[in-house]
Amino acid sequence: MKSKDELRRELDQTQQMINAAENAMRFGLTLDGDSFARYTDAMERQKQIADDLSGYGETAKGLVVSSTMHGKQSEIMPDTCVIEAVEELSRADFDDFRERMLRDYDFILDHSRSLMSGADGRYHCLLVLCEGEPDGILVDSEGSAYARYSGLLPDARLILEDRCQRVARDLLSEGKESFSDTELRSRYGMDLFDGGCLRQVFEKAAVKIPGASVRRAH
């Protein structure tokens, strides 16, 4: 079995191949047969590398935090992510997903048609939460069933609940005592009935506001 450093170098190499192919396709270029085969092989190889890397365990002492580091950046340029849907997993399922993110998952496939980066450079993402935990993972699958692009979102649950509560207060300030799924989708881009858990998050946030309720439009 390859060493961890060798696997990481190969992971970087396969990612370069994937990035080059996807950038070409975004500019409307068509890959020839050999290039497309190398592209798909690189994606499958990444899944195997991820499984191999999961076999290396590490422990650390001291003040330890989670972040994503990039080399030699002249400035910090965060990506813009649009949350299209929300899924909440059990602790066991979330840990399995977090440790094996390049595998295919049904809960990603369920939203895959909405998870495509746009021409404006925004990532359209599924937010994956862990039951009882504050942080989440953003996933842009580019139409596939695995996390082709992903990023950690600290305090995701708090951010989501705050957004839901602000939307509810905004509507109530207009004298509305209830508001529909259709209205939330058209005005705020929030779909409470997409099959994920956003409706539950919204209801928990809205119930804290006297007089608020959620109803489905007919």
N, C-alpha and C. Protein backbone atom coordinates (compact mmCIF):
# COMPACT_ATOMS: atom_id res chain seq x y z
N MET A 1 0.84 -1.20 0.00
CA MET A 1 0.00 0.00 0.00
C MET A 1 0.88 1.25 0.00
N LYS A 2 0.46 2.26 -0.73
CA LYS A 2 1.23 3.49 -0.81
C LYS A 2 1.21 4.23 0.52
N SER A 3 2.25 5.05 0.75
CA SER A 3 2.28 5.86 1.96
C SER A 3 1.25 6.97 1.87
N LYS A 4 0.99 7.60 3.02
CA LYS A 4 0.00 8.68 3.05
C LYS A 4 0.43 9.84 2.16
N ASP A 5 1.70 10.19 2.17
CA ASP A 5 2.19 11.29 1.32
C ASP A 5 2.04 10.96 -0.16
N GLU A 6 2.31 9.70 -0.52
CA GLU A 6 2.17 9.29 -1.92
C GLU A 6 0.70 9.37 -2.35
N LEU A 7 -0.18 8.95 -1.47
CA LEU A 7 -1.61 9.01 -1.78
C LEU A 7 -2.07 10.45 -1.94
N ARG A 8 -1.59 11.34 -1.08
CA ARG A 8 -1.98 12.74 -1.17
C ARG A 8 -1.48 13.37 -2.46
N ARG A 9 -0.25 13.01 -2.87
CA ARG A 9 0.27 13.54 -4.13
C ARG A 9 -0.56 13.04 -5.32
N GLU A 10 -0.94 11.77 -5.26
CA GLU A 10 -1.77 11.23 -6.34
C GLU A 10 -3.15 11.88 -6.33
N LEU A 11 -3.66 12.17 -5.15
CA LEU A 11 -4.95 12.84 -5.05
C LEU A 11 -4.88 14.22 -5.70
N ASP A 12 -3.79 14.95 -5.46
CA ASP A 12 -3.60 16.26 -6.09
C ASP A 12 -3.53 16.13 -7.61
N GLN A 13 -2.82 15.11 -8.09
CA GLN A 13 -2.68 14.92 -9.54
C GLN A 13 -4.01 14.60 -10.20
N THR A 14 -4.79 13.72 -9.57
CA THR A 14 -6.09 13.40 -10.15
C THR A 14 -7.02 14.60 -10.11
N GLN A 15 -6.91 15.43 -9.05
CA GLN A 15 -7.76 16.62 -8.97
C GLN A 15 -7.40 17.62 -10.06
N GLN A 16 -6.12 17.73 -10.40
CA GLN A 16 -5.72 18.62 -11.49
C GLN A 16 -6.34 18.16 -12.81
N MET A 17 -6.35 16.85 -13.04
CA MET A 17 -6.96 16.32 -14.25
C MET A 17 -8.46 16.62 -14.29
N ILE A 18 -9.14 16.42 -13.15
CA ILE A 18 -10.58 16.68 -13.06
C ILE A 18 -10.86 18.15 -13.28
N ASN A 19 -10.09 19.02 -12.63
CA ASN A 19 -10.30 20.47 -12.77
C ASN A 19 -10.12 20.92 -14.22
N ALA A 20 -9.09 20.41 -14.89
CA ALA A 20 -8.82 20.80 -16.27
C ALA A 20 -9.98 20.37 -17.18
N ALA A 21 -10.47 19.16 -16.98
CA ALA A 21 -11.58 18.66 -17.82
C ALA A 21 -12.85 19.45 -17.57
N GLU A 22 -13.16 19.73 -16.30
CA GLU A 22 -14.39 20.44 -15.98
C GLU A 22 -14.33 21.90 -16.41
N ASN A 23 -13.16 22.51 -16.32
CA ASN A 23 -13.02 23.89 -16.82
C ASN A 23 -13.24 23.93 -18.34
N ALA A 24 -12.73 22.93 -19.04
CA ALA A 24 -12.92 22.87 -20.49
C ALA A 24 -14.40 22.74 -20.83
N MET A 25 -15.10 21.87 -20.11
CA MET A 25 -16.52 21.67 -20.38
C MET A 25 -17.34 22.90 -20.03
N ARG A 26 -16.92 23.65 -19.00
CA ARG A 26 -17.65 24.88 -18.65
C ARG A 26 -17.54 25.93 -19.74
N PHE A 27 -16.43 25.90 -20.49
CA PHE A 27 -16.25 26.84 -21.59
C PHE A 27 -16.82 26.30 -22.90
N GLY A 28 -17.58 25.22 -22.81
CA GLY A 28 -18.26 24.69 -23.98
C GLY A 28 -17.42 23.79 -24.86
N LEU A 29 -16.24 23.38 -24.39
CA LEU A 29 -15.39 22.49 -25.17
C LEU A 29 -15.82 21.04 -24.96
N THR A 30 -15.67 20.23 -25.99
CA THR A 30 -16.04 18.82 -25.93
C THR A 30 -14.78 17.97 -25.77
N LEU A 31 -14.77 17.08 -24.80
CA LEU A 31 -13.62 16.20 -24.58
C LEU A 31 -13.65 15.06 -25.58
N ASP A 32 -12.47 14.71 -26.13
CA ASP A 32 -12.42 13.53 -27.00
C ASP A 32 -12.51 12.27 -26.14
N GLY A 33 -12.61 11.13 -26.79
CA GLY A 33 -12.81 9.87 -26.07
C GLY A 33 -11.74 9.59 -25.04
N ASP A 34 -10.48 9.78 -25.41
CA ASP A 34 -9.38 9.49 -24.49
C ASP A 34 -9.39 10.44 -23.29
N SER A 35 -9.65 11.73 -23.55
CA SER A 35 -9.67 12.71 -22.47
C SER A 35 -10.82 12.44 -21.50
N PHE A 36 -11.98 12.08 -22.05
CA PHE A 36 -13.12 11.80 -21.19
C PHE A 36 -12.87 10.54 -20.36
N ALA A 37 -12.21 9.55 -20.94
CA ALA A 37 -11.88 8.32 -20.20
C ALA A 37 -10.92 8.64 -19.06
N ARG A 38 -9.93 9.49 -19.31
CA ARG A 38 -8.99 9.87 -18.24
C ARG A 38 -9.70 10.64 -17.14
N TYR A 39 -10.68 11.46 -17.54
CA TYR A 39 -11.47 12.24 -16.58
C TYR A 39 -12.27 11.32 -15.67
N THR A 40 -12.99 10.37 -16.25
CA THR A 40 -13.80 9.45 -15.44
C THR A 40 -12.91 8.53 -14.60
N ASP A 41 -11.78 8.11 -15.16
CA ASP A 41 -10.84 7.26 -14.40
C ASP A 41 -10.30 8.02 -13.19
N ALA A 42 -10.03 9.32 -13.38
CA ALA A 42 -9.50 10.12 -12.27
C ALA A 42 -10.52 10.24 -11.15
N MET A 43 -11.81 10.39 -11.49
CA MET A 43 -12.85 10.49 -10.47
C MET A 43 -12.98 9.18 -9.69
N GLU A 44 -12.93 8.05 -10.41
CA GLU A 44 -13.02 6.76 -9.74
C GLU A 44 -11.79 6.50 -8.88
N ARG A 45 -10.62 6.91 -9.37
CA ARG A 45 -9.39 6.71 -8.60
C ARG A 45 -9.42 7.54 -7.32
N GLN A 46 -10.00 8.74 -7.38
CA GLN A 46 -10.10 9.56 -6.18
C GLN A 46 -10.90 8.87 -5.09
N LYS A 47 -11.95 8.17 -5.47
CA LYS A 47 -12.75 7.45 -4.48
C LYS A 47 -11.91 6.38 -3.79
N GLN A 48 -11.10 5.66 -4.58
CA GLN A 48 -10.25 4.62 -3.99
C GLN A 48 -9.19 5.23 -3.09
N ILE A 49 -8.60 6.35 -3.53
CA ILE A 49 -7.59 7.01 -2.71
C ILE A 49 -8.19 7.46 -1.39
N ALA A 50 -9.41 7.99 -1.43
CA ALA A 50 -10.07 8.44 -0.20
C ALA A 50 -10.26 7.28 0.77
N ASP A 51 -10.64 6.12 0.25
CA ASP A 51 -10.78 4.93 1.10
C ASP A 51 -9.44 4.53 1.71
N ASP A 52 -8.38 4.60 0.88
CA ASP A 52 -7.05 4.24 1.38
C ASP A 52 -6.58 5.21 2.46
N LEU A 53 -6.84 6.51 2.26
CA LEU A 53 -6.43 7.50 3.24
C LEU A 53 -7.19 7.35 4.56
N SER A 54 -8.43 6.87 4.48
CA SER A 54 -9.21 6.71 5.71
C SER A 54 -8.60 5.66 6.63
N GLY A 55 -7.69 4.83 6.09
CA GLY A 55 -7.03 3.83 6.92
C GLY A 55 -5.91 4.38 7.77
N TYR A 56 -5.53 5.64 7.53
CA TYR A 56 -4.50 6.28 8.34
C TYR A 56 -5.15 7.12 9.43
N GLY A 57 -4.98 6.74 10.65
CA GLY A 57 -5.54 7.51 11.76
C GLY A 57 -4.48 8.37 12.41
N GLU A 58 -4.88 9.56 12.88
CA GLU A 58 -3.94 10.46 13.54
C GLU A 58 -4.56 11.04 14.79
N THR A 59 -3.75 11.30 15.81
CA THR A 59 -4.20 11.99 17.01
C THR A 59 -3.31 13.18 17.23
N ALA A 60 -3.85 14.20 17.85
CA ALA A 60 -3.07 15.42 18.10
C ALA A 60 -3.42 15.99 19.46
N LYS A 61 -2.42 16.61 20.12
CA LYS A 61 -2.64 17.25 21.40
C LYS A 61 -2.52 18.76 21.25
N GLY A 62 -3.08 19.48 22.19
CA GLY A 62 -3.01 20.93 22.15
C GLY A 62 -4.29 21.54 21.62
N LEU A 63 -4.23 22.80 21.20
CA LEU A 63 -5.39 23.52 20.66
C LEU A 63 -5.56 23.15 19.19
N VAL A 64 -6.55 22.34 18.91
CA VAL A 64 -6.74 21.80 17.56
C VAL A 64 -8.06 22.31 16.99
N VAL A 65 -8.01 22.86 15.80
CA VAL A 65 -9.20 23.35 15.11
C VAL A 65 -9.24 22.74 13.72
N SER A 66 -10.38 22.90 13.04
CA SER A 66 -10.53 22.40 11.67
C SER A 66 -10.58 23.58 10.71
N SER A 67 -9.84 23.50 9.63
CA SER A 67 -9.86 24.52 8.60
C SER A 67 -9.33 23.92 7.31
N THR A 68 -9.45 24.65 6.22
CA THR A 68 -8.87 24.25 4.94
C THR A 68 -7.79 25.25 4.58
N MET A 69 -6.56 24.78 4.41
CA MET A 69 -5.43 25.66 4.16
C MET A 69 -5.03 25.59 2.68
N HIS A 70 -4.63 26.75 2.13
CA HIS A 70 -4.17 26.83 0.75
C HIS A 70 -2.79 27.47 0.74
N GLY A 71 -1.94 27.03 -0.19
CA GLY A 71 -0.57 27.51 -0.21
C GLY A 71 -0.39 28.82 -0.96
N LYS A 72 0.40 29.72 -0.38
CA LYS A 72 0.87 30.94 -1.04
C LYS A 72 -0.25 31.79 -1.63
N GLN A 73 -1.30 32.01 -0.87
CA GLN A 73 -2.38 32.87 -1.34
C GLN A 73 -2.02 34.33 -1.16
N SER A 74 -2.24 35.14 -2.20
CA SER A 74 -1.98 36.57 -2.08
C SER A 74 -3.15 37.28 -1.41
N GLU A 75 -4.34 36.65 -1.45
CA GLU A 75 -5.51 37.20 -0.79
C GLU A 75 -6.52 36.08 -0.56
N ILE A 76 -7.41 36.29 0.38
CA ILE A 76 -8.45 35.31 0.66
C ILE A 76 -9.66 35.63 -0.22
N MET A 77 -10.04 34.67 -1.05
CA MET A 77 -11.17 34.85 -1.96
C MET A 77 -12.19 33.73 -1.69
N PRO A 78 -13.14 33.96 -0.79
CA PRO A 78 -14.12 32.90 -0.51
C PRO A 78 -15.05 32.67 -1.69
N ASP A 79 -15.51 31.43 -1.82
CA ASP A 79 -16.47 31.09 -2.86
C ASP A 79 -17.88 31.42 -2.38
N THR A 80 -18.75 31.79 -3.32
CA THR A 80 -20.15 32.04 -3.01
C THR A 80 -20.94 30.75 -3.20
N CYS A 81 -21.64 30.34 -2.16
CA CYS A 81 -22.39 29.08 -2.19
C CYS A 81 -23.88 29.36 -1.94
N VAL A 82 -24.72 28.82 -2.80
CA VAL A 82 -26.17 28.93 -2.65
C VAL A 82 -26.68 27.59 -2.11
N ILE A 83 -27.32 27.61 -0.94
CA ILE A 83 -27.84 26.38 -0.35
C ILE A 83 -29.18 26.07 -0.99
N GLU A 84 -29.23 24.98 -1.75
CA GLU A 84 -30.44 24.58 -2.45
C GLU A 84 -31.31 23.64 -1.62
N ALA A 85 -30.69 22.87 -0.73
CA ALA A 85 -31.44 21.90 0.07
C ALA A 85 -30.62 21.56 1.31
N VAL A 86 -31.29 20.98 2.28
CA VAL A 86 -30.65 20.62 3.55
C VAL A 86 -31.01 19.18 3.91
N GLU A 87 -30.01 18.41 4.30
CA GLU A 87 -30.23 17.05 4.78
C GLU A 87 -29.57 16.91 6.15
N GLU A 88 -30.25 16.25 7.08
CA GLU A 88 -29.68 16.00 8.40
C GLU A 88 -29.48 14.50 8.57
N LEU A 89 -28.26 14.10 8.92
CA LEU A 89 -27.92 12.69 9.08
C LEU A 89 -27.71 12.34 10.55
N SER A 90 -27.88 11.08 10.86
CA SER A 90 -27.53 10.61 12.20
C SER A 90 -26.03 10.71 12.39
N ARG A 91 -25.57 10.65 13.61
CA ARG A 91 -24.13 10.73 13.89
C ARG A 91 -23.37 9.65 13.13
N ALA A 92 -23.88 8.42 13.15
CA ALA A 92 -23.18 7.32 12.47
C ALA A 92 -23.12 7.55 10.97
N ASP A 93 -24.23 7.97 10.37
CA ASP A 93 -24.25 8.20 8.92
C ASP A 93 -23.40 9.40 8.54
N PHE A 94 -23.41 10.45 9.39
CA PHE A 94 -22.60 11.64 9.09
C PHE A 94 -21.12 11.30 9.15
N ASP A 95 -20.71 10.55 10.16
CA ASP A 95 -19.30 10.16 10.28
C ASP A 95 -18.87 9.32 9.09
N ASP A 96 -19.75 8.42 8.64
CA ASP A 96 -19.44 7.60 7.47
C ASP A 96 -19.28 8.48 6.24
N PHE A 97 -20.18 9.46 6.08
CA PHE A 97 -20.09 10.38 4.94
C PHE A 97 -18.83 11.23 5.02
N ARG A 98 -18.54 11.79 6.19
CA ARG A 98 -17.39 12.68 6.35
C ARG A 98 -16.07 11.96 6.06
N GLU A 99 -16.01 10.69 6.38
CA GLU A 99 -14.78 9.92 6.19
C GLU A 99 -14.68 9.27 4.82
N ARG A 100 -15.78 9.25 4.07
CA ARG A 100 -15.79 8.60 2.75
C ARG A 100 -16.62 9.45 1.78
N MET A 101 -16.18 10.67 1.57
CA MET A 101 -16.99 11.64 0.84
C MET A 101 -17.04 11.40 -0.66
N LEU A 102 -16.14 10.59 -1.18
CA LEU A 102 -16.14 10.35 -2.62
C LEU A 102 -16.95 9.13 -3.01
N ARG A 103 -17.64 8.54 -2.07
CA ARG A 103 -18.58 7.48 -2.39
C ARG A 103 -19.91 8.09 -2.87
N ASP A 104 -20.71 7.28 -3.56
CA ASP A 104 -22.04 7.72 -3.98
C ASP A 104 -23.02 7.58 -2.82
N TYR A 105 -23.91 8.58 -2.68
CA TYR A 105 -24.90 8.57 -1.61
C TYR A 105 -26.27 8.93 -2.18
N ASP A 106 -27.30 8.20 -1.75
CA ASP A 106 -28.65 8.46 -2.23
C ASP A 106 -29.13 9.86 -1.85
N PHE A 107 -28.75 10.33 -0.64
CA PHE A 107 -29.25 11.64 -0.21
C PHE A 107 -28.64 12.77 -1.04
N ILE A 108 -27.50 12.55 -1.67
CA ILE A 108 -26.95 13.53 -2.61
C ILE A 108 -27.65 13.38 -3.97
N LEU A 109 -27.82 12.14 -4.40
CA LEU A 109 -28.48 11.88 -5.68
C LEU A 109 -29.89 12.47 -5.71
N ASP A 110 -30.58 12.45 -4.57
CA ASP A 110 -31.94 12.99 -4.50
C ASP A 110 -32.01 14.46 -4.89
N HIS A 111 -30.92 15.20 -4.70
CA HIS A 111 -30.90 16.64 -4.99
C HIS A 111 -29.96 16.99 -6.14
N SER A 112 -29.44 15.98 -6.82
CA SER A 112 -28.34 16.20 -7.77
C SER A 112 -28.68 17.17 -8.90
N ARG A 113 -29.95 17.23 -9.30
CA ARG A 113 -30.32 18.13 -10.40
C ARG A 113 -30.15 19.60 -10.03
N SER A 114 -30.18 19.89 -8.73
CA SER A 114 -30.03 21.28 -8.28
C SER A 114 -28.59 21.63 -7.93
N LEU A 115 -27.71 20.63 -7.89
CA LEU A 115 -26.35 20.84 -7.39
C LEU A 115 -25.37 20.98 -8.55
N MET A 116 -25.40 22.14 -9.17
CA MET A 116 -24.53 22.44 -10.30
C MET A 116 -24.00 23.86 -10.16
N SER A 117 -22.69 24.05 -10.33
CA SER A 117 -22.15 25.41 -10.29
C SER A 117 -22.65 26.18 -11.49
N GLY A 118 -22.98 27.46 -11.26
CA GLY A 118 -23.56 28.28 -12.31
C GLY A 118 -22.53 29.03 -13.12
N ALA A 119 -23.00 29.66 -14.20
CA ALA A 119 -22.12 30.46 -15.06
C ALA A 119 -21.57 31.67 -14.32
N ASP A 120 -22.27 32.08 -13.23
CA ASP A 120 -21.81 33.22 -12.45
C ASP A 120 -20.74 32.84 -11.43
N GLY A 121 -20.31 31.58 -11.44
CA GLY A 121 -19.26 31.14 -10.53
C GLY A 121 -19.74 30.71 -9.17
N ARG A 122 -21.05 30.75 -8.93
CA ARG A 122 -21.58 30.32 -7.63
C ARG A 122 -21.72 28.81 -7.58
N TYR A 123 -21.48 28.27 -6.39
CA TYR A 123 -21.69 26.84 -6.16
C TYR A 123 -23.11 26.64 -5.61
N HIS A 124 -23.87 25.77 -6.23
CA HIS A 124 -25.21 25.45 -5.74
C HIS A 124 -25.12 24.16 -4.95
N CYS A 125 -25.41 24.26 -3.65
CA CYS A 125 -24.99 23.22 -2.71
C CYS A 125 -26.13 22.59 -1.92
N LEU A 126 -25.86 21.37 -1.49
CA LEU A 126 -26.62 20.69 -0.46
C LEU A 126 -25.89 20.90 0.85
N LEU A 127 -26.61 21.34 1.89
CA LEU A 127 -26.02 21.47 3.21
C LEU A 127 -26.32 20.20 3.99
N VAL A 128 -25.28 19.51 4.42
CA VAL A 128 -25.42 18.26 5.17
C VAL A 128 -25.12 18.54 6.63
N LEU A 129 -26.12 18.32 7.48
CA LEU A 129 -25.98 18.53 8.92
C LEU A 129 -25.87 17.20 9.64
N CYS A 130 -25.26 17.25 10.82
CA CYS A 130 -25.20 16.09 11.70
C CYS A 130 -26.15 16.32 12.87
N GLU A 131 -26.96 15.34 13.16
CA GLU A 131 -27.95 15.46 14.22
C GLU A 131 -27.29 15.89 15.54
N GLY A 132 -27.75 17.02 16.08
CA GLY A 132 -27.25 17.50 17.35
C GLY A 132 -25.93 18.26 17.30
N GLU A 133 -25.37 18.48 16.11
CA GLU A 133 -24.09 19.18 15.97
C GLU A 133 -24.27 20.51 15.25
N PRO A 134 -23.43 21.51 15.55
CA PRO A 134 -23.61 22.84 14.95
C PRO A 134 -23.07 22.98 13.53
N ASP A 135 -21.99 22.28 13.21
CA ASP A 135 -21.33 22.48 11.92
C ASP A 135 -21.98 21.63 10.83
N GLY A 136 -21.72 21.99 9.58
CA GLY A 136 -22.24 21.24 8.45
C GLY A 136 -21.23 21.19 7.31
N ILE A 137 -21.58 20.43 6.29
CA ILE A 137 -20.73 20.29 5.11
C ILE A 137 -21.53 20.70 3.88
N LEU A 138 -20.98 21.60 3.09
CA LEU A 138 -21.59 22.01 1.82
C LEU A 138 -21.11 21.09 0.71
N VAL A 139 -22.04 20.65 -0.13
CA VAL A 139 -21.71 19.71 -1.20
C VAL A 139 -22.26 20.21 -2.53
N ASP A 140 -21.40 20.34 -3.53
CA ASP A 140 -21.80 20.57 -4.91
C ASP A 140 -21.39 19.33 -5.68
N SER A 141 -22.37 18.54 -6.10
CA SER A 141 -22.06 17.26 -6.74
C SER A 141 -21.92 17.37 -8.25
N GLU A 142 -22.22 18.54 -8.81
CA GLU A 142 -22.19 18.73 -10.26
C GLU A 142 -23.05 17.67 -10.97
N GLY A 143 -24.21 17.38 -10.38
CA GLY A 143 -25.14 16.45 -11.00
C GLY A 143 -24.89 14.99 -10.70
N SER A 144 -23.85 14.69 -9.93
CA SER A 144 -23.53 13.30 -9.61
C SER A 144 -24.07 12.94 -8.22
N ALA A 145 -23.70 11.77 -7.72
CA ALA A 145 -24.20 11.29 -6.43
C ALA A 145 -23.14 11.37 -5.33
N TYR A 146 -22.00 12.03 -5.61
CA TYR A 146 -20.97 12.14 -4.58
C TYR A 146 -20.51 13.60 -4.45
N ALA A 147 -19.75 13.86 -3.43
CA ALA A 147 -19.34 15.24 -3.12
C ALA A 147 -18.16 15.66 -3.99
N ARG A 148 -18.44 16.07 -5.23
CA ARG A 148 -17.36 16.47 -6.12
C ARG A 148 -16.67 17.73 -5.60
N TYR A 149 -17.44 18.69 -5.10
CA TYR A 149 -16.89 19.85 -4.42
C TYR A 149 -17.52 19.91 -3.03
N SER A 150 -16.74 20.24 -2.04
CA SER A 150 -17.27 20.25 -0.67
C SER A 150 -16.49 21.25 0.17
N GLY A 151 -17.13 21.68 1.24
CA GLY A 151 -16.47 22.61 2.16
C GLY A 151 -17.15 22.58 3.51
N LEU A 152 -16.38 22.76 4.56
CA LEU A 152 -16.92 22.82 5.91
C LEU A 152 -17.58 24.17 6.14
N LEU A 153 -18.77 24.16 6.73
CA LEU A 153 -19.46 25.39 7.11
C LEU A 153 -19.63 25.40 8.63
N PRO A 154 -18.71 26.07 9.36
CA PRO A 154 -18.84 26.13 10.82
C PRO A 154 -20.13 26.83 11.23
N ASP A 155 -20.73 26.36 12.32
CA ASP A 155 -21.98 26.94 12.85
C ASP A 155 -23.08 26.97 11.80
N ALA A 156 -23.12 25.97 10.94
CA ALA A 156 -24.10 25.93 9.86
C ALA A 156 -25.53 25.95 10.40
N ARG A 157 -25.77 25.21 11.48
CA ARG A 157 -27.13 25.14 12.02
C ARG A 157 -27.59 26.51 12.52
N LEU A 158 -26.69 27.21 13.21
CA LEU A 158 -27.02 28.54 13.72
C LEU A 158 -27.29 29.51 12.57
N ILE A 159 -26.46 29.46 11.53
CA ILE A 159 -26.63 30.32 10.36
C ILE A 159 -27.98 30.05 9.70
N LEU A 160 -28.31 28.77 9.55
CA LEU A 160 -29.56 28.38 8.90
C LEU A 160 -30.76 28.81 9.72
N GLU A 161 -30.74 28.57 11.02
CA GLU A 161 -31.86 28.94 11.88
C GLU A 161 -32.04 30.45 11.92
N ASP A 162 -30.91 31.19 11.95
CA ASP A 162 -30.99 32.65 11.96
C ASP A 162 -31.62 33.17 10.66
N ARG A 163 -31.22 32.58 9.53
CA ARG A 163 -31.80 32.98 8.24
C ARG A 163 -33.30 32.70 8.21
N CYS A 164 -33.70 31.53 8.67
CA CYS A 164 -35.12 31.16 8.68
C CYS A 164 -35.92 32.11 9.57
N GLN A 165 -35.35 32.47 10.71
CA GLN A 165 -36.07 33.34 11.63
C GLN A 165 -36.18 34.76 11.06
N ARG A 166 -35.16 35.21 10.37
CA ARG A 166 -35.21 36.55 9.76
C ARG A 166 -36.25 36.60 8.65
N VAL A 167 -36.37 35.52 7.88
CA VAL A 167 -37.39 35.47 6.84
C VAL A 167 -38.78 35.50 7.46
N ALA A 168 -38.97 34.72 8.53
CA ALA A 168 -40.27 34.69 9.20
C ALA A 168 -40.63 36.08 9.75
N ARG A 169 -39.66 36.75 10.38
CA ARG A 169 -39.92 38.09 10.94
C ARG A 169 -40.24 39.08 9.83
N ASP A 170 -39.54 38.94 8.69
CA ASP A 170 -39.77 39.84 7.56
C ASP A 170 -41.21 39.72 7.08
N LEU A 171 -41.69 38.49 6.93
CA LEU A 171 -43.06 38.28 6.46
C LEU A 171 -44.08 38.73 7.51
N LEU A 172 -43.81 38.46 8.77
CA LEU A 172 -44.74 38.86 9.83
C LEU A 172 -44.80 40.37 9.97
N SER A 173 -43.70 41.05 9.66
CA SER A 173 -43.71 42.51 9.75
C SER A 173 -44.65 43.13 8.73
N GLU A 174 -45.01 42.36 7.70
CA GLU A 174 -45.95 42.83 6.68
C GLU A 174 -47.39 42.51 7.07
N GLY A 175 -47.58 42.00 8.29
CA GLY A 175 -48.92 41.68 8.76
C GLY A 175 -49.38 40.29 8.42
N LYS A 176 -48.49 39.43 7.92
CA LYS A 176 -48.87 38.07 7.58
C LYS A 176 -48.79 37.19 8.82
N GLU A 177 -49.82 36.40 9.06
CA GLU A 177 -49.80 35.46 10.17
C GLU A 177 -49.43 34.06 9.71
N SER A 178 -49.41 33.85 8.42
CA SER A 178 -48.97 32.57 7.87
C SER A 178 -48.38 32.84 6.48
N PHE A 179 -47.58 31.91 6.01
CA PHE A 179 -46.95 32.11 4.70
C PHE A 179 -46.76 30.75 4.06
N SER A 180 -46.84 30.73 2.75
CA SER A 180 -46.89 29.47 2.02
C SER A 180 -45.53 29.06 1.48
N ASP A 181 -45.45 27.79 1.12
CA ASP A 181 -44.27 27.25 0.46
C ASP A 181 -43.97 28.01 -0.82
N THR A 182 -45.00 28.30 -1.61
CA THR A 182 -44.82 29.01 -2.88
C THR A 182 -44.22 30.40 -2.66
N GLU A 183 -44.71 31.09 -1.64
CA GLU A 183 -44.21 32.43 -1.36
C GLU A 183 -42.75 32.41 -0.91
N LEU A 184 -42.42 31.45 -0.06
CA LEU A 184 -41.04 31.34 0.40
C LEU A 184 -40.10 31.03 -0.76
N ARG A 185 -40.55 30.19 -1.68
CA ARG A 185 -39.70 29.83 -2.81
C ARG A 185 -39.49 31.01 -3.75
N SER A 186 -40.57 31.74 -4.06
CA SER A 186 -40.47 32.82 -5.04
C SER A 186 -39.72 34.04 -4.49
N ARG A 187 -39.92 34.35 -3.20
CA ARG A 187 -39.31 35.54 -2.64
C ARG A 187 -37.92 35.32 -2.07
N TYR A 188 -37.67 34.12 -1.53
CA TYR A 188 -36.43 33.89 -0.81
C TYR A 188 -35.63 32.70 -1.32
N GLY A 189 -36.17 31.98 -2.31
CA GLY A 189 -35.45 30.82 -2.82
C GLY A 189 -35.39 29.66 -1.86
N MET A 190 -36.35 29.58 -0.92
CA MET A 190 -36.37 28.52 0.08
C MET A 190 -37.49 27.54 -0.25
N ASP A 191 -37.12 26.27 -0.45
CA ASP A 191 -38.11 25.24 -0.76
C ASP A 191 -38.25 24.33 0.45
N LEU A 192 -39.37 24.47 1.17
CA LEU A 192 -39.57 23.71 2.41
C LEU A 192 -40.01 22.28 2.14
N PHE A 193 -40.35 21.97 0.92
CA PHE A 193 -40.88 20.65 0.63
C PHE A 193 -40.03 19.94 -0.43
N ASP A 194 -38.71 20.10 -0.32
CA ASP A 194 -37.80 19.53 -1.31
C ASP A 194 -37.38 18.11 -0.96
N GLY A 195 -37.92 17.55 0.10
CA GLY A 195 -37.54 16.21 0.52
C GLY A 195 -36.45 16.19 1.57
N GLY A 196 -35.85 17.33 1.86
CA GLY A 196 -34.83 17.42 2.91
C GLY A 196 -35.45 17.82 4.23
N CYS A 197 -34.64 18.41 5.11
CA CYS A 197 -35.13 18.74 6.45
C CYS A 197 -35.32 20.23 6.65
N LEU A 198 -35.28 21.05 5.58
CA LEU A 198 -35.37 22.50 5.74
C LEU A 198 -36.69 22.91 6.37
N ARG A 199 -37.78 22.22 6.06
CA ARG A 199 -39.06 22.60 6.64
C ARG A 199 -39.00 22.48 8.16
N GLN A 200 -38.41 21.39 8.67
CA GLN A 200 -38.32 21.22 10.12
C GLN A 200 -37.48 22.32 10.77
N VAL A 201 -36.38 22.67 10.11
CA VAL A 201 -35.52 23.74 10.63
C VAL A 201 -36.29 25.06 10.65
N PHE A 202 -37.03 25.33 9.57
CA PHE A 202 -37.78 26.58 9.47
C PHE A 202 -38.87 26.64 10.55
N GLU A 203 -39.59 25.53 10.73
CA GLU A 203 -40.67 25.52 11.71
C GLU A 203 -40.14 25.73 13.13
N LYS A 204 -38.98 25.13 13.43
CA LYS A 204 -38.39 25.29 14.75
C LYS A 204 -37.99 26.75 15.00
N ALA A 205 -37.49 27.40 13.93
CA ALA A 205 -37.09 28.80 14.06
C ALA A 205 -38.31 29.71 14.14
N ALA A 206 -39.33 29.43 13.31
CA ALA A 206 -40.50 30.30 13.26
C ALA A 206 -41.38 30.18 14.49
N VAL A 207 -41.40 28.99 15.10
CA VAL A 207 -42.28 28.79 16.25
C VAL A 207 -41.89 29.66 17.44
N LYS A 208 -40.65 30.15 17.43
CA LYS A 208 -40.20 31.03 18.49
C LYS A 208 -40.79 32.44 18.36
N ILE A 209 -41.42 32.70 17.21
CA ILE A 209 -42.02 34.01 16.97
C ILE A 209 -43.53 33.90 17.16
N PRO A 210 -44.12 34.63 18.08
CA PRO A 210 -45.57 34.54 18.32
C PRO A 210 -46.38 34.79 17.06
N GLY A 211 -47.33 33.92 16.77
CA GLY A 211 -48.23 34.10 15.64
C GLY A 211 -47.76 33.52 14.33
N ALA A 212 -46.56 32.96 14.30
CA ALA A 212 -46.04 32.44 13.05
C ALA A 212 -46.51 31.02 12.81
N SER A 213 -46.76 30.67 11.54
CA SER A 213 -47.10 29.30 11.17
C SER A 213 -46.65 29.07 9.73
N VAL A 214 -46.63 27.81 9.31
CA VAL A 214 -46.24 27.46 7.95
C VAL A 214 -47.33 26.60 7.35
N ARG A 215 -47.78 26.93 6.15
CA ARG A 215 -48.78 26.11 5.49
C ARG A 215 -48.38 25.89 4.04
N ARG A 216 -48.78 24.78 3.49
CA ARG A 216 -48.51 24.48 2.08
C ARG A 216 -49.56 25.16 1.20
N ALA A 217 -49.10 25.80 0.13
CA ALA A 217 -50.04 26.46 -0.79
C ALA A 217 -50.73 25.42 -1.66
N HIS A 218 -51.99 25.64 -1.96
CA HIS A 218 -52.75 24.73 -2.81
C HIS A 218 -53.14 25.46 -4.10
